[in-house]
PDB file of N, CA and C in Angstrom:
ATOM      1  N   MET A   1     174.534  -6.023 -13.403  1.00  0.00           N
ATOM      2  CA  MET A   1     174.315  -4.968 -14.029  1.00  0.00           C
ATOM      3  C   MET A   1     175.782  -4.415 -13.674  1.00  0.00           C
ATOM      4  N   LYS A   2     176.187  -3.509 -14.184  1.00  0.00           N
ATOM      5  CA  LYS A   2     177.567  -2.448 -14.679  1.00  0.00           C
ATOM      6  C   LYS A   2     176.777  -1.315 -14.321  1.00  0.00           C
ATOM      7  N   THR A   3     177.774  -0.410 -13.723  1.00  0.00           N
ATOM      8  CA  THR A   3     177.215   1.254 -13.688  1.00  0.00           C
ATOM      9  C   THR A   3     177.884   1.897 -13.018  1.00  0.00           C
ATOM     10  N   ASP A   4     178.271   3.069 -13.587  1.00  0.00           N
ATOM     11  CA  ASP A   4     179.406   4.273 -12.891  1.00  0.00           C
ATOM     12  C   ASP A   4     178.922   4.949 -11.760  1.00  0.00           C
ATOM     13  N   THR A   5     177.362   4.636 -11.767  1.00  0.00           N
ATOM     14  CA  THR A   5     176.978   5.343 -10.552  1.00  0.00           C
ATOM     15  C   THR A   5     175.738   3.960  -9.285  1.00  0.00           C
ATOM     16  N   PRO A   6     176.191   3.833  -9.613  1.00  0.00           N
ATOM     17  CA  PRO A   6     175.675   2.396  -8.345  1.00  0.00           C
ATOM     18  C   PRO A   6     174.881   3.351  -7.469  1.00  0.00           C
ATOM     19  N   ASP A   7     175.408   4.842  -6.507  1.00  0.00           N
ATOM     20  CA  ASP A   7     173.537   4.926  -5.756  1.00  0.00           C
ATOM     21  C   ASP A   7     172.903   5.332  -6.563  1.00  0.00           C
ATOM     22  N   LYS A   8     172.849   6.067  -7.287  1.00  0.00           N
ATOM     23  CA  LYS A   8     171.906   6.869  -8.738  1.00  0.00           C
ATOM     24  C   LYS A   8     171.374   6.026  -9.163  1.00  0.00           C
ATOM     25  N   ALA A   9     171.732   4.280  -9.364  1.00  0.00           N
ATOM     26  CA  ALA A   9     171.500   3.241  -9.940  1.00  0.00           C
ATOM     27  C   ALA A   9     169.805   2.546  -8.626  1.00  0.00           C
ATOM     28  N   VAL A  10     170.582   2.543  -7.331  1.00  0.00           N
ATOM     29  CA  VAL A  10     169.610   2.231  -7.145  1.00  0.00           C
ATOM     30  C   VAL A  10     168.520   2.723  -6.644  1.00  0.00           C
ATOM     31  N   LYS A  11     168.441   4.076  -6.511  1.00  0.00           N
ATOM     32  CA  LYS A  11     167.849   5.036  -6.250  1.00  0.00           C
ATOM     33  C   LYS A  11     166.941   4.543  -7.380  1.00  0.00           C
ATOM     34  N   VAL A  12     167.041   5.248  -8.168  1.00  0.00           N
ATOM     35  CA  VAL A  12     166.373   5.085  -9.894  1.00  0.00           C
ATOM     36  C   VAL A  12     165.702   3.834 -10.169  1.00  0.00           C
ATOM     37  N   LEU A  13     166.103   2.549  -9.294  1.00  0.00           N
ATOM     38  CA  LEU A  13     165.373   0.853  -9.557  1.00  0.00           C
ATOM     39  C   LEU A  13     164.314   0.630  -8.216  1.00  0.00           C
ATOM     40  N   LYS A  14     164.961   1.848  -7.066  1.00  0.00           N
ATOM     41  CA  LYS A  14     163.625   1.624  -5.781  1.00  0.00           C
ATOM     42  C   LYS A  14     162.577   2.391  -6.063  1.00  0.00           C
ATOM     43  N   GLU A  15     162.642   3.350  -6.952  1.00  0.00           N
ATOM     44  CA  GLU A  15     161.399   4.247  -7.357  1.00  0.00           C
ATOM     45  C   GLU A  15     160.761   3.703  -8.652  1.00  0.00           C
ATOM     46  N   ALA A  16     161.469   3.309  -9.156  1.00  0.00           N
ATOM     47  CA  ALA A  16     160.735   2.226 -10.530  1.00  0.00           C
ATOM     48  C   ALA A  16     159.887   1.209  -9.566  1.00  0.00           C
ATOM     49  N   LEU A  17     160.306   0.502  -8.752  1.00  0.00           N
ATOM     50  CA  LEU A  17     159.830  -0.407  -8.113  1.00  0.00           C
ATOM     51  C   LEU A  17     158.510  -0.181  -6.982  1.00  0.00           C
ATOM     52  N   GLU A  18     158.783   0.879  -6.475  1.00  0.00           N
ATOM     53  CA  GLU A  18     157.682   1.305  -5.455  1.00  0.00           C
ATOM     54  C   GLU A  18     156.438   1.851  -6.859  1.00  0.00           C
ATOM     55  N   ILE A  19     156.879   3.009  -7.555  1.00  0.00           N
ATOM     56  CA  ILE A  19     155.973   3.463  -8.402  1.00  0.00           C
ATOM     57  C   ILE A  19     155.497   2.153  -9.144  1.00  0.00           C
ATOM     58  N   GLU A  20     155.942   1.060  -9.830  1.00  0.00           N
ATOM     59  CA  GLU A  20     155.107  -0.246 -10.578  1.00  0.00           C
ATOM     60  C   GLU A  20     154.474  -0.852  -9.009  1.00  0.00           C
ATOM     61  N   ALA A  21     154.388  -1.252  -8.165  1.00  0.00           N
ATOM     62  CA  ALA A  21     154.101  -1.491  -7.361  1.00  0.00           C
ATOM     63  C   ALA A  21     152.632  -0.371  -6.519  1.00  0.00           C
ATOM     64  N   LEU A  22     152.747   0.829  -6.767  1.00  0.00           N
ATOM     65  CA  LEU A  22     152.160   1.340  -6.923  1.00  0.00           C
ATOM     66  C   LEU A  22     150.647   0.962  -7.650  1.00  0.00           C
ATOM     67  N   ARG A  23     151.232   1.034  -8.946  1.00  0.00           N
ATOM     68  CA  ARG A  23     150.163   0.878 -10.473  1.00  0.00           C
ATOM     69  C   ARG A  23     149.536  -0.228 -10.242  1.00  0.00           C
ATOM     70  N   LEU A  24     150.686  -1.745  -9.438  1.00  0.00           N
ATOM     71  CA  LEU A  24     150.086  -3.556  -9.436  1.00  0.00           C
ATOM     72  C   LEU A  24     148.626  -2.869  -8.610  1.00  0.00           C
ATOM     73  N   LYS A  25     148.397  -1.782  -6.896  1.00  0.00           N
ATOM     74  CA  LYS A  25     147.916  -2.123  -6.111  1.00  0.00           C
ATOM     75  C   LYS A  25     146.544  -1.261  -6.426  1.00  0.00           C
ATOM     76  N   TYR A  26     146.453  -0.812  -7.524  1.00  0.00           N
ATOM     77  CA  TYR A  26     145.667   0.728  -7.892  1.00  0.00           C
ATOM     78  C   TYR A  26     145.121  -0.534  -9.330  1.00  0.00           C
ATOM     79  N   SER A  27     145.992  -1.598  -9.677  1.00  0.00           N
ATOM     80  CA  SER A  27     144.809  -2.484 -10.730  1.00  0.00           C
ATOM     81  C   SER A  27     144.149  -3.614  -9.960  1.00  0.00           C
ATOM     82  N   LEU A  28     144.643  -3.602  -8.809  1.00  0.00           N
ATOM     83  CA  LEU A  28     143.872  -4.793  -8.124  1.00  0.00           C
ATOM     84  C   LEU A  28     143.313  -4.470  -7.570  1.00  0.00           C
ATOM     85  N   ASN A  29     143.449  -3.420  -7.174  1.00  0.00           N
ATOM     86  CA  ASN A  29     142.006  -2.709  -5.964  1.00  0.00           C
ATOM     87  C   ASN A  29     140.469  -2.499  -7.329  1.00  0.00           C
ATOM     88  N   LEU A  30     140.236  -2.152  -8.468  1.00  0.00           N
ATOM     89  CA  LEU A  30     140.152  -1.785  -9.568  1.00  0.00           C
ATOM     90  C   LEU A  30     139.141  -3.243 -10.050  1.00  0.00           C
ATOM     91  N   ALA A  31     139.995  -4.425  -9.959  1.00  0.00           N
ATOM     92  CA  ALA A  31     139.995  -5.785  -9.778  1.00  0.00           C
ATOM     93  C   ALA A  31     138.758  -6.238  -9.577  1.00  0.00           C
ATOM     94  N   LYS A  32     139.258  -5.776  -7.799  1.00  0.00           N
ATOM     95  CA  LYS A  32     138.500  -6.843  -6.310  1.00  0.00           C
ATOM     96  C   LYS A  32     137.020  -5.928  -6.725  1.00  0.00           C
ATOM     97  N   LYS A  33     136.748  -4.756  -6.968  1.00  0.00           N
ATOM     98  CA  LYS A  33     135.837  -4.361  -7.312  1.00  0.00           C
ATOM     99  C   LYS A  33     134.872  -4.853  -8.485  1.00  0.00           C
ATOM    100  N   ARG A  34     135.665  -5.402  -9.131  1.00  0.00           N
ATOM    101  CA  ARG A  34     135.095  -5.340 -10.348  1.00  0.00           C
ATOM    102  C   ARG A  34     134.583  -7.099 -10.299  1.00  0.00           C
ATOM    103  N   LEU A  35     135.169  -7.783  -9.600  1.00  0.00           N
ATOM    104  CA  LEU A  35     135.292  -9.201  -8.907  1.00  0.00           C
ATOM    105  C   LEU A  35     133.803  -9.288  -7.631  1.00  0.00           C
ATOM    106  N   LYS A  36     134.285  -8.091  -6.774  1.00  0.00           N
ATOM    107  CA  LYS A  36     133.067  -7.891  -5.734  1.00  0.00           C
ATOM    108  C   LYS A  36     131.517  -7.786  -6.548  1.00  0.00           C
ATOM    109  N   ARG A  37     131.223  -7.117  -7.591  1.00  0.00           N
ATOM    110  CA  ARG A  37     129.876  -6.912  -8.095  1.00  0.00           C
ATOM    111  C   ARG A  37     129.469  -8.577  -8.634  1.00  0.00           C
ATOM    112  N   PHE A  38     130.452  -9.435  -8.977  1.00  0.00           N
ATOM    113  CA  PHE A  38     129.871 -11.237  -9.164  1.00  0.00           C
ATOM    114  C   PHE A  38     129.505 -11.545  -8.317  1.00  0.00           C
ATOM    115  N   GLU A  39     130.190 -11.410  -6.934  1.00  0.00           N
ATOM    116  CA  GLU A  39     130.322 -12.230  -6.361  1.00  0.00           C
ATOM    117  C   GLU A  39     128.952 -11.352  -5.267  1.00  0.00           C
ATOM    118  N   THR A  40     128.735 -10.767  -5.308  1.00  0.00           N
ATOM    119  CA  THR A  40     127.331 -10.416  -4.492  1.00  0.00           C
ATOM    120  C   THR A  40     125.772 -10.643  -5.373  1.00  0.00           C
ATOM    121  N   LYS A  41     126.225 -10.512  -6.796  1.00  0.00           N
ATOM    122  CA  LYS A  41     125.119 -11.344  -7.941  1.00  0.00           C
ATOM    123  C   LYS A  41     124.681 -12.865  -7.810  1.00  0.00           C
ATOM    124  N   TYR A  42     125.762 -13.029  -7.516  1.00  0.00           N
ATOM    125  CA  TYR A  42     125.233 -14.135  -7.413  1.00  0.00           C
ATOM    126  C   TYR A  42     126.277 -14.808  -6.322  1.00  0.00           C
ATOM    127  N   ASN A  43     126.348 -14.460  -5.056  1.00  0.00           N
ATOM    128  CA  ASN A  43     126.679 -14.454  -3.780  1.00  0.00           C
ATOM    129  C   ASN A  43     127.188 -16.163  -3.167  1.00  0.00           C
ATOM    130  N   VAL A  44     128.154 -15.979  -3.607  1.00  0.00           N
ATOM    131  CA  VAL A  44     129.780 -16.526  -3.859  1.00  0.00           C
ATOM    132  C   VAL A  44     130.960 -16.092  -4.483  1.00  0.00           C
ATOM    133  N   SER A  45     132.383 -16.489  -3.470  1.00  0.00           N
ATOM    134  CA  SER A  45     133.280 -15.838  -3.651  1.00  0.00           C
ATOM    135  C   SER A  45     133.845 -16.740  -5.263  1.00  0.00           C
ATOM    136  N   SER A  46     134.831 -15.737  -6.001  1.00  0.00           N
ATOM    137  CA  SER A  46     135.146 -15.667  -6.999  1.00  0.00           C
ATOM    138  C   SER A  46     135.982 -17.102  -6.818  1.00  0.00           C
ATOM    139  N   GLU A  47     136.125 -17.869  -5.850  1.00  0.00           N
ATOM    140  CA  GLU A  47     137.225 -19.056  -5.420  1.00  0.00           C
ATOM    141  C   GLU A  47     136.524 -20.056  -6.219  1.00  0.00           C
ATOM    142  N   ILE A  48     135.450 -20.098  -5.010  1.00  0.00           N
ATOM    143  CA  ILE A  48     134.253 -20.912  -5.510  1.00  0.00           C
ATOM    144  C   ILE A  48     133.414 -21.150  -6.463  1.00  0.00           C
ATOM    145  N   PHE A  49     133.253 -19.944  -7.540  1.00  0.00           N
ATOM    146  CA  PHE A  49     133.001 -19.526  -8.706  1.00  0.00           C
ATOM    147  C   PHE A  49     133.955 -20.354  -9.538  1.00  0.00           C
ATOM    148  N   ILE A  50     135.067 -19.924  -9.786  1.00  0.00           N
ATOM    149  CA  ILE A  50     136.563 -20.604 -10.784  1.00  0.00           C
ATOM    150  C   ILE A  50     136.652 -22.094 -10.377  1.00  0.00           C
ATOM    151  N   ASN A  51     136.461 -22.426  -9.116  1.00  0.00           N
ATOM    152  CA  ASN A  51     136.783 -24.257  -8.685  1.00  0.00           C
ATOM    153  C   ASN A  51     135.029 -24.450  -9.199  1.00  0.00           C
ATOM    154  N   GLU A  52     133.937 -24.468  -9.245  1.00  0.00           N
ATOM    155  CA  GLU A  52     132.609 -24.939  -8.835  1.00  0.00           C
ATOM    156  C   GLU A  52     131.718 -25.199  -9.634  1.00  0.00           C
ATOM    157  N   TRP A  53     131.539 -23.713 -10.442  1.00  0.00           N
ATOM    158  CA  TRP A  53     130.587 -23.144 -11.772  1.00  0.00           C
ATOM    159  C   TRP A  53     131.031 -23.463 -12.712  1.00  0.00           C
ATOM    160  N   SER A  54     129.804 -23.276 -13.555  1.00  0.00           N
ATOM    161  CA  SER A  54     129.992 -23.653 -15.442  1.00  0.00           C
ATOM    162  C   SER A  54     129.144 -22.290 -15.306  1.00  0.00           C
ATOM    163  N   ALA A  55     129.290 -21.914 -16.446  1.00  0.00           N
ATOM    164  CA  ALA A  55     128.530 -21.049 -17.331  1.00  0.00           C
ATOM    165  C   ALA A  55     127.149 -20.995 -17.396  1.00  0.00           C
ATOM    166  N   GLU A  56     126.530 -22.830 -17.372  1.00  0.00           N
ATOM    167  CA  GLU A  56     124.963 -22.696 -17.041  1.00  0.00           C
ATOM    168  C   GLU A  56     124.279 -22.140 -15.531  1.00  0.00           C
ATOM    169  N   ASP A  57     126.271 -22.073 -14.742  1.00  0.00           N
ATOM    170  CA  ASP A  57     125.178 -21.692 -13.294  1.00  0.00           C
ATOM    171  C   ASP A  57     124.974 -20.596 -13.250  1.00  0.00           C
ATOM    172  N   LEU A  58     125.044 -19.497 -14.682  1.00  0.00           N
ATOM    173  CA  LEU A  58     125.189 -17.316 -14.206  1.00  0.00           C
ATOM    174  C   LEU A  58     124.348 -17.888 -15.479  1.00  0.00           C
ATOM    175  N   LYS A  59     123.225 -16.450 -14.732  1.00  0.00           N
ATOM    176  CA  LYS A  59     121.985 -15.398 -15.920  1.00  0.00           C
ATOM    177  C   LYS A  59     122.529 -15.364 -17.076  1.00  0.00           C
ATOM    178  N   GLY A  60     123.851 -14.582 -17.255  1.00  0.00           N
ATOM    179  CA  GLY A  60     124.043 -14.106 -18.660  1.00  0.00           C
ATOM    180  C   GLY A  60     125.278 -15.723 -18.758  1.00  0.00           C
ATOM    181  N   LYS A  61     125.091 -16.667 -18.883  1.00  0.00           N
ATOM    182  CA  LYS A  61     126.131 -17.597 -19.010  1.00  0.00           C
ATOM    183  C   LYS A  61     127.400 -17.244 -20.091  1.00  0.00           C
ATOM    184  N   ASP A  62     127.200 -17.940 -21.330  1.00  0.00           N
ATOM    185  CA  ASP A  62     128.886 -17.469 -21.317  1.00  0.00           C
ATOM    186  C   ASP A  62     129.613 -16.389 -21.373  1.00  0.00           C
ATOM    187  N   LEU A  63     128.915 -15.452 -21.660  1.00  0.00           N
ATOM    188  CA  LEU A  63     129.402 -13.934 -21.579  1.00  0.00           C
ATOM    189  C   LEU A  63     129.347 -13.795 -20.065  1.00  0.00           C
ATOM    190  N   GLU A  64     129.299 -14.103 -19.509  1.00  0.00           N
ATOM    191  CA  GLU A  64     129.113 -13.568 -17.806  1.00  0.00           C
ATOM    192  C   GLU A  64     130.101 -13.960 -17.556  1.00  0.00           C
ATOM    193  N   TYR A  65     129.827 -15.590 -17.635  1.00  0.00           N
ATOM    194  CA  TYR A  65     131.435 -16.498 -17.564  1.00  0.00           C
ATOM    195  C   TYR A  65     132.355 -15.983 -17.003  1.00  0.00           C
ATOM    196  N   VAL A  66     132.631 -15.826 -19.076  1.00  0.00           N
ATOM    197  CA  VAL A  66     133.927 -15.759 -19.951  1.00  0.00           C
ATOM    198  C   VAL A  66     134.883 -14.481 -18.957  1.00  0.00           C
ATOM    199  N   GLU A  67     133.590 -13.523 -18.435  1.00  0.00           N
ATOM    200  CA  GLU A  67     134.044 -12.274 -18.131  1.00  0.00           C
ATOM    201  C   GLU A  67     134.784 -12.447 -16.081  1.00  0.00           C
ATOM    202  N   TRP A  68     134.186 -12.966 -15.583  1.00  0.00           N
ATOM    203  CA  TRP A  68     134.291 -13.420 -14.529  1.00  0.00           C
ATOM    204  C   TRP A  68     135.657 -14.766 -14.298  1.00  0.00           C
ATOM    205  N   ALA A  69     135.480 -15.187 -14.471  1.00  0.00           N
ATOM    206  CA  ALA A  69     137.027 -15.352 -15.153  1.00  0.00           C
ATOM    207  C   ALA A  69     137.697 -14.922 -15.595  1.00  0.00           C
ATOM    208  N   GLY A  70     137.782 -13.760 -16.155  1.00  0.00           N
ATOM    209  CA  GLY A  70     138.307 -13.202 -17.216  1.00  0.00           C
ATOM    210  C   GLY A  70     139.647 -12.340 -15.849  1.00  0.00           C
ATOM    211  N   GLU A  71     138.345 -11.479 -15.252  1.00  0.00           N
ATOM    212  CA  GLU A  71     138.467 -10.715 -13.878  1.00  0.00           C
ATOM    213  C   GLU A  71     139.112 -11.418 -12.942  1.00  0.00           C
ATOM    214  N   TYR A  72     138.882 -13.400 -13.162  1.00  0.00           N
ATOM    215  CA  TYR A  72     139.926 -13.701 -11.629  1.00  0.00           C
ATOM    216  C   TYR A  72     141.414 -14.178 -12.366  1.00  0.00           C
ATOM    217  N   GLN A  73     141.056 -14.046 -13.278  1.00  0.00           N
ATOM    218  CA  GLN A  73     142.833 -14.722 -14.030  1.00  0.00           C
ATOM    219  C   GLN A  73     143.139 -13.059 -13.835  1.00  0.00           C
ATOM    220  N   LEU A  74     142.832 -12.566 -14.440  1.00  0.00           N
ATOM    221  CA  LEU A  74     143.588 -10.920 -14.411  1.00  0.00           C
ATOM    222  C   LEU A  74     144.034 -10.468 -12.980  1.00  0.00           C
ATOM    223  N   PHE A  75     143.236 -10.795 -11.973  1.00  0.00           N
ATOM    224  CA  PHE A  75     144.105 -10.756 -10.405  1.00  0.00           C
ATOM    225  C   PHE A  75     144.767 -11.595  -9.731  1.00  0.00           C
ATOM    226  N   SER A  76     144.720 -12.389 -10.223  1.00  0.00           N
ATOM    227  CA  SER A  76     145.083 -13.559 -10.011  1.00  0.00           C
ATOM    228  C   SER A  76     147.295 -13.294 -10.132  1.00  0.00           C
ATOM    229  N   ARG A  77     147.067 -13.003 -11.440  1.00  0.00           N
ATOM    230  CA  ARG A  77     148.351 -12.440 -12.203  1.00  0.00           C
ATOM    231  C   ARG A  77     148.693 -11.054 -11.887  1.00  0.00           C
ATOM    232  N   LEU A  78     147.786 -10.419 -11.678  1.00  0.00           N
ATOM    233  CA  LEU A  78     148.598  -9.167 -11.167  1.00  0.00           C
ATOM    234  C   LEU A  78     148.424  -9.013  -9.417  1.00  0.00           C
ATOM    235  N   ASN A  79     148.331 -10.200  -8.399  1.00  0.00           N
ATOM    236  CA  ASN A  79     148.573 -10.070  -7.614  1.00  0.00           C
ATOM    237  C   ASN A  79     149.954 -11.316  -6.994  1.00  0.00           C
ATOM    238  N   GLU A  80     150.349 -11.594  -7.786  1.00  0.00           N
ATOM    239  CA  GLU A  80     151.394 -12.553  -8.567  1.00  0.00           C
ATOM    240  C   GLU A  80     152.363 -11.712  -8.429  1.00  0.00           C
ATOM    241  N   ARG A  81     151.990 -10.901  -9.636  1.00  0.00           N
ATOM    242  CA  ARG A  81     153.373 -10.299 -10.122  1.00  0.00           C
ATOM    243  C   ARG A  81     153.762  -8.944  -8.519  1.00  0.00           C
ATOM    244  N   LEU A  82     152.155  -8.630  -7.695  1.00  0.00           N
ATOM    245  CA  LEU A  82     152.674  -8.153  -6.939  1.00  0.00           C
ATOM    246  C   LEU A  82     153.755  -7.999  -5.616  1.00  0.00           C
ATOM    247  N   ILE A  83     153.786  -9.820  -5.606  1.00  0.00           N
ATOM    248  CA  ILE A  83     153.868 -10.281  -4.600  1.00  0.00           C
ATOM    249  C   ILE A  83     155.246 -10.529  -4.840  1.00  0.00           C
ATOM    250  N   VAL A  84     155.664 -10.969  -5.865  1.00  0.00           N
ATOM    251  CA  VAL A  84     157.575 -11.004  -6.925  1.00  0.00           C
ATOM    252  C   VAL A  84     157.695  -9.538  -6.188  1.00  0.00           C
ATOM    253  N   LEU A  85     157.520  -8.625  -6.796  1.00  0.00           N
ATOM    254  CA  LEU A  85     157.711  -7.244  -6.307  1.00  0.00           C
ATOM    255  C   LEU A  85     158.581  -6.769  -5.249  1.00  0.00           C
ATOM    256  N   LYS A  86     157.435  -6.944  -3.998  1.00  0.00           N
ATOM    257  CA  LYS A  86     157.183  -6.652  -3.061  1.00  0.00           C
ATOM    258  C   LYS A  86     159.015  -7.781  -2.285  1.00  0.00           C
ATOM    259  N   SER A  87     158.835  -8.674  -3.144  1.00  0.00           N
ATOM    260  CA  SER A  87     160.198  -9.994  -2.208  1.00  0.00           C
ATOM    261  C   SER A  87     160.957  -9.157  -3.113  1.00  0.00           C
ATOM    262  N   ILE A  88     161.391  -8.430  -4.126  1.00  0.00           N
ATOM    263  CA  ILE A  88     162.732  -7.716  -4.342  1.00  0.00           C
ATOM    264  C   ILE A  88     163.204  -6.532  -3.748  1.00  0.00           C
ATOM    265  N   GLU A  89     161.357  -5.739  -3.825  1.00  0.00           N
ATOM    266  CA  GLU A  89     162.048  -4.739  -2.649  1.00  0.00           C
ATOM    267  C   GLU A  89     162.712  -5.190  -1.695  1.00  0.00           C
ATOM    268  N   ASN A  90     162.061  -6.058  -0.602  1.00  0.00           N
ATOM    269  CA  ASN A  90     163.332  -7.127   0.406  1.00  0.00           C
ATOM    270  C   ASN A  90     164.044  -6.908   0.127  1.00  0.00           C
ATOM    271  N   VAL A  91     164.611  -7.442  -0.497  1.00  0.00           N
ATOM    272  CA  VAL A  91     166.565  -8.220  -0.919  1.00  0.00           C
ATOM    273  C   VAL A  91     166.676  -7.026  -1.467  1.00  0.00           C
ATOM    274  N   ALA A  92     166.623  -5.895  -1.631  1.00  0.00           N
ATOM    275  CA  ALA A  92     167.235  -4.479  -2.131  1.00  0.00           C
ATOM    276  C   ALA A  92     167.184  -3.638  -1.141  1.00  0.00           C
ATOM    277  N   SER A  93     166.514  -3.544  -0.269  1.00  0.00           N
ATOM    278  CA  SER A  93     166.477  -2.550   0.754  1.00  0.00           C
ATOM    279  C   SER A  93     167.839  -3.085   2.224  1.00  0.00           C
TER     280      SER A  93
END
């Protein structure tokens, strides 16, 4: 990247990374709460659900299965993005 004002550019990029990290943490927290509802209802972790359960194991069948699996996938993607973002912050520091 090229800029005429590298110090300002670094500051702007660091701020953008911090804001994105906060947004991801907030979204992860919401996803955790939604996952917790399923885990409490069925008394099983999301990891076990994803690896071992099928729609037939759930009261709501297909719809509930799709919701739980989708929430788990969203949580995983958000967490992965946060890990990558933190690694960028460490390099930039």
